[in-house]
Amino acid sequence: MQLLFAVADEDANRDRVFVTKAVVHKLEYIKMIILPDQNHERPHFHIHYKTEYAASYAIDTLELLAGDMPMKYKKQMLQWASRKQKSLLLTWNDLKAGKDVRKLVLHADDNEE
């Protein structure tokens, strides 16, 4: 299992001053990202499985906000997110504020449960 904690997307243009999204967790073909959407006030993250499925989840409640994701792809991601909600919220806030999160490691304690 490969974990990427709030690391800028590798596909993002490296010459840009700001980060366009943060890959916060990756497991095989499943990727969790946070986008600093100015149009959405509610902190949330997106889960993508290849190009087949995409869904958005609220950080505070982990409820599905939009999209569709089969249980077999979302289960482990949501379990991880439930343990890292504080870090996800801090990453959301940093991105929303325009901060560079490329060198950001999880703010919250790794032992948080």
C-alpha atoms as a PDB file:
ATOM      1  CA  MET A   1       0.000   0.000   0.000  1.00  0.00           C
ATOM      2  CA  GLN A   2       1.360   3.361  -0.999  1.00  0.00           C
ATOM      3  CA  LEU A   3       0.430   6.388   1.085  1.00  0.00           C
ATOM      4  CA  LEU A   4       0.833   9.958  -0.096  1.00  0.00           C
ATOM      5  CA  PHE A   5       0.000  12.568   2.530  1.00  0.00           C
ATOM      6  CA  ALA A   6      -0.970  15.962   1.157  1.00  0.00           C
ATOM      7  CA  VAL A   7       1.573  15.846  -1.621  1.00  0.00           C
ATOM      8  CA  ALA A   8       0.949  17.936  -4.700  1.00  0.00           C
ATOM      9  CA  ASP A   9      -0.335  15.984  -7.646  1.00  0.00           C
ATOM     10  CA  GLU A  10       2.555  14.717  -9.711  1.00  0.00           C
ATOM     11  CA  ASP A  11       0.748  15.775 -12.882  1.00  0.00           C
ATOM     12  CA  ALA A  12       0.495  19.408 -11.799  1.00  0.00           C
ATOM     13  CA  ASN A  13       2.684  21.909 -13.625  1.00  0.00           C
ATOM     14  CA  ARG A  14       5.757  22.304 -11.420  1.00  0.00           C
ATOM     15  CA  ASP A  15       6.359  25.898 -12.543  1.00  0.00           C
ATOM     16  CA  ARG A  16       3.120  27.160 -11.071  1.00  0.00           C
ATOM     17  CA  VAL A  17       3.266  29.133  -7.847  1.00  0.00           C
ATOM     18  CA  PHE A  18       0.230  27.457  -6.319  1.00  0.00           C
ATOM     19  CA  VAL A  19      -0.854  23.862  -5.928  1.00  0.00           C
ATOM     20  CA  THR A  20      -3.974  22.875  -7.815  1.00  0.00           C
ATOM     21  CA  LYS A  21      -4.774  19.773  -5.784  1.00  0.00           C
ATOM     22  CA  ALA A  22      -3.340  17.500  -3.143  1.00  0.00           C
ATOM     23  CA  VAL A  23      -3.201  13.734  -3.364  1.00  0.00           C
ATOM     24  CA  VAL A  24      -3.746  12.749   0.245  1.00  0.00           C
ATOM     25  CA  HIS A  25      -4.014   8.980  -0.014  1.00  0.00           C
ATOM     26  CA  LYS A  26      -3.437   6.423  -2.738  1.00  0.00           C
ATOM     27  CA  LEU A  27      -4.086   2.703  -2.767  1.00  0.00           C
ATOM     28  CA  GLU A  28      -3.389   0.919  -6.046  1.00  0.00           C
ATOM     29  CA  TYR A  29      -5.796   2.503  -8.566  1.00  0.00           C
ATOM     30  CA  ILE A  30      -7.843   4.378  -5.967  1.00  0.00           C
ATOM     31  CA  LYS A  31      -6.846   7.971  -5.292  1.00  0.00           C
ATOM     32  CA  MET A  32      -8.136  10.465  -2.722  1.00  0.00           C
ATOM     33  CA  ILE A  33      -7.625  14.115  -3.592  1.00  0.00           C
ATOM     34  CA  ILE A  34      -8.519  17.488  -2.169  1.00  0.00           C
ATOM     35  CA  LEU A  35      -9.197  20.357  -4.554  1.00  0.00           C
ATOM     36  CA  PRO A  36      -9.115  23.955  -3.303  1.00  0.00           C
ATOM     37  CA  ASP A  37     -12.495  24.670  -4.887  1.00  0.00           C
ATOM     38  CA  GLN A  38     -13.471  28.271  -4.349  1.00  0.00           C
ATOM     39  CA  ASN A  39     -17.090  27.442  -5.241  1.00  0.00           C
ATOM     40  CA  HIS A  40     -17.559  24.895  -2.458  1.00  0.00           C
ATOM     41  CA  GLU A  41     -17.534  26.023   1.146  1.00  0.00           C
ATOM     42  CA  ARG A  42     -18.036  22.606   2.730  1.00  0.00           C
ATOM     43  CA  PRO A  43     -14.697  20.840   3.237  1.00  0.00           C
ATOM     44  CA  HIS A  44     -14.661  17.666   1.182  1.00  0.00           C
ATOM     45  CA  PHE A  45     -12.450  15.241  -0.685  1.00  0.00           C
ATOM     46  CA  HIS A  46     -12.802  13.238  -3.861  1.00  0.00           C
ATOM     47  CA  ILE A  47     -12.211   9.540  -4.382  1.00  0.00           C
ATOM     48  CA  HIS A  48     -11.396   8.348  -7.898  1.00  0.00           C
ATOM     49  CA  TYR A  49     -11.093   4.792  -9.138  1.00  0.00           C
ATOM     50  CA  LYS A  50      -9.242   4.909 -12.461  1.00  0.00           C
ATOM     51  CA  THR A  51     -11.577   6.805 -14.802  1.00  0.00           C
ATOM     52  CA  GLU A  52     -14.536   4.564 -13.979  1.00  0.00           C
ATOM     53  CA  TYR A  53     -15.855   6.083 -10.729  1.00  0.00           C
ATOM     54  CA  ALA A  54     -15.641   9.367  -8.861  1.00  0.00           C
ATOM     55  CA  ALA A  55     -17.372  10.589  -5.720  1.00  0.00           C
ATOM     56  CA  SER A  56     -17.119  13.474  -3.247  1.00  0.00           C
ATOM     57  CA  TYR A  57     -17.375  13.069   0.529  1.00  0.00           C
ATOM     58  CA  ALA A  58     -17.733  15.601   3.336  1.00  0.00           C
ATOM     59  CA  ILE A  59     -14.694  15.638   5.618  1.00  0.00           C
ATOM     60  CA  ASP A  60     -16.701  16.178   8.813  1.00  0.00           C
ATOM     61  CA  THR A  61     -19.296  13.391   8.384  1.00  0.00           C
ATOM     62  CA  LEU A  62     -17.829  11.325   5.521  1.00  0.00           C
ATOM     63  CA  GLU A  63     -21.252  11.451   3.869  1.00  0.00           C
ATOM     64  CA  LEU A  64     -21.506  11.093   0.121  1.00  0.00           C
ATOM     65  CA  LEU A  65     -22.027  14.526  -1.455  1.00  0.00           C
ATOM     66  CA  ALA A  66     -21.960  13.621  -5.142  1.00  0.00           C
ATOM     67  CA  GLY A  67     -21.050  10.824  -7.503  1.00  0.00           C
ATOM     68  CA  ASP A  68     -20.936   7.078  -7.078  1.00  0.00           C
ATOM     69  CA  MET A  69     -18.313   4.719  -5.720  1.00  0.00           C
ATOM     70  CA  PRO A  70     -18.779   0.956  -5.208  1.00  0.00           C
ATOM     71  CA  MET A  71     -18.210  -0.235  -1.641  1.00  0.00           C
ATOM     72  CA  LYS A  72     -15.205  -2.358  -2.604  1.00  0.00           C
ATOM     73  CA  TYR A  73     -13.333   0.782  -3.698  1.00  0.00           C
ATOM     74  CA  LYS A  74     -14.466   3.243  -1.045  1.00  0.00           C
ATOM     75  CA  LYS A  75     -14.391   1.104   2.111  1.00  0.00           C
ATOM     76  CA  GLN A  76     -10.653   1.296   2.892  1.00  0.00           C
ATOM     77  CA  MET A  77     -10.436   4.925   1.798  1.00  0.00           C
ATOM     78  CA  LEU A  78     -13.266   5.996   4.108  1.00  0.00           C
ATOM     79  CA  GLN A  79     -11.816   3.987   7.005  1.00  0.00           C
ATOM     80  CA  TRP A  80      -8.507   5.796   6.527  1.00  0.00           C
ATOM     81  CA  ALA A  81     -10.308   9.150   6.192  1.00  0.00           C
ATOM     82  CA  SER A  82     -12.201   8.562   9.434  1.00  0.00           C
ATOM     83  CA  ARG A  83      -8.880   8.258  11.271  1.00  0.00           C
ATOM     84  CA  LYS A  84      -7.389  11.314   9.521  1.00  0.00           C
ATOM     85  CA  GLN A  85     -10.289  13.780   9.541  1.00  0.00           C
ATOM     86  CA  LYS A  86      -8.312  16.428  11.435  1.00  0.00           C
ATOM     87  CA  SER A  87      -5.462  16.238   8.913  1.00  0.00           C
ATOM     88  CA  LEU A  88      -7.840  16.308   5.971  1.00  0.00           C
ATOM     89  CA  LEU A  89      -9.505  19.446   7.313  1.00  0.00           C
ATOM     90  CA  LEU A  90      -6.160  21.172   7.858  1.00  0.00           C
ATOM     91  CA  THR A  91      -5.062  20.240   4.341  1.00  0.00           C
ATOM     92  CA  TRP A  92      -8.369  21.582   2.952  1.00  0.00           C
ATOM     93  CA  ASN A  93      -7.864  24.862   4.835  1.00  0.00           C
ATOM     94  CA  ASP A  94      -4.264  25.225   3.655  1.00  0.00           C
ATOM     95  CA  LEU A  95      -5.214  24.630   0.018  1.00  0.00           C
ATOM     96  CA  LYS A  96      -8.227  26.943   0.259  1.00  0.00           C
ATOM     97  CA  ALA A  97      -5.920  29.658   1.655  1.00  0.00           C
ATOM     98  CA  GLY A  98      -3.617  29.198  -1.334  1.00  0.00           C
ATOM     99  CA  LYS A  99      -0.789  27.718   0.687  1.00  0.00           C
ATOM    100  CA  ASP A 100       1.732  25.411  -0.906  1.00  0.00           C
ATOM    101  CA  VAL A 101       1.194  21.924   0.528  1.00  0.00           C
ATOM    102  CA  ARG A 102       3.842  20.102  -1.493  1.00  0.00           C
ATOM    103  CA  LYS A 103       6.020  19.607   1.573  1.00  0.00           C
ATOM    104  CA  LEU A 104       3.130  19.194   3.987  1.00  0.00           C
ATOM    105  CA  VAL A 105       3.051  16.003   5.989  1.00  0.00           C
ATOM    106  CA  LEU A 106       0.048  15.187   8.109  1.00  0.00           C
ATOM    107  CA  HIS A 107      -0.564  17.911  10.707  1.00  0.00           C
ATOM    108  CA  ALA A 108      -2.470  15.643  13.035  1.00  0.00           C
ATOM    109  CA  ASP A 109      -0.985  12.947  15.181  1.00  0.00           C
ATOM    110  CA  ASP A 110      -0.548   9.644  13.322  1.00  0.00           C
ATOM    111  CA  ASN A 111      -1.955   7.908  16.390  1.00  0.00           C
ATOM    112  CA  GLU A 112      -5.254   9.769  16.258  1.00  0.00           C
ATOM    113  CA  GLU A 113      -8.199   7.408  16.237  1.00  0.00           C
END
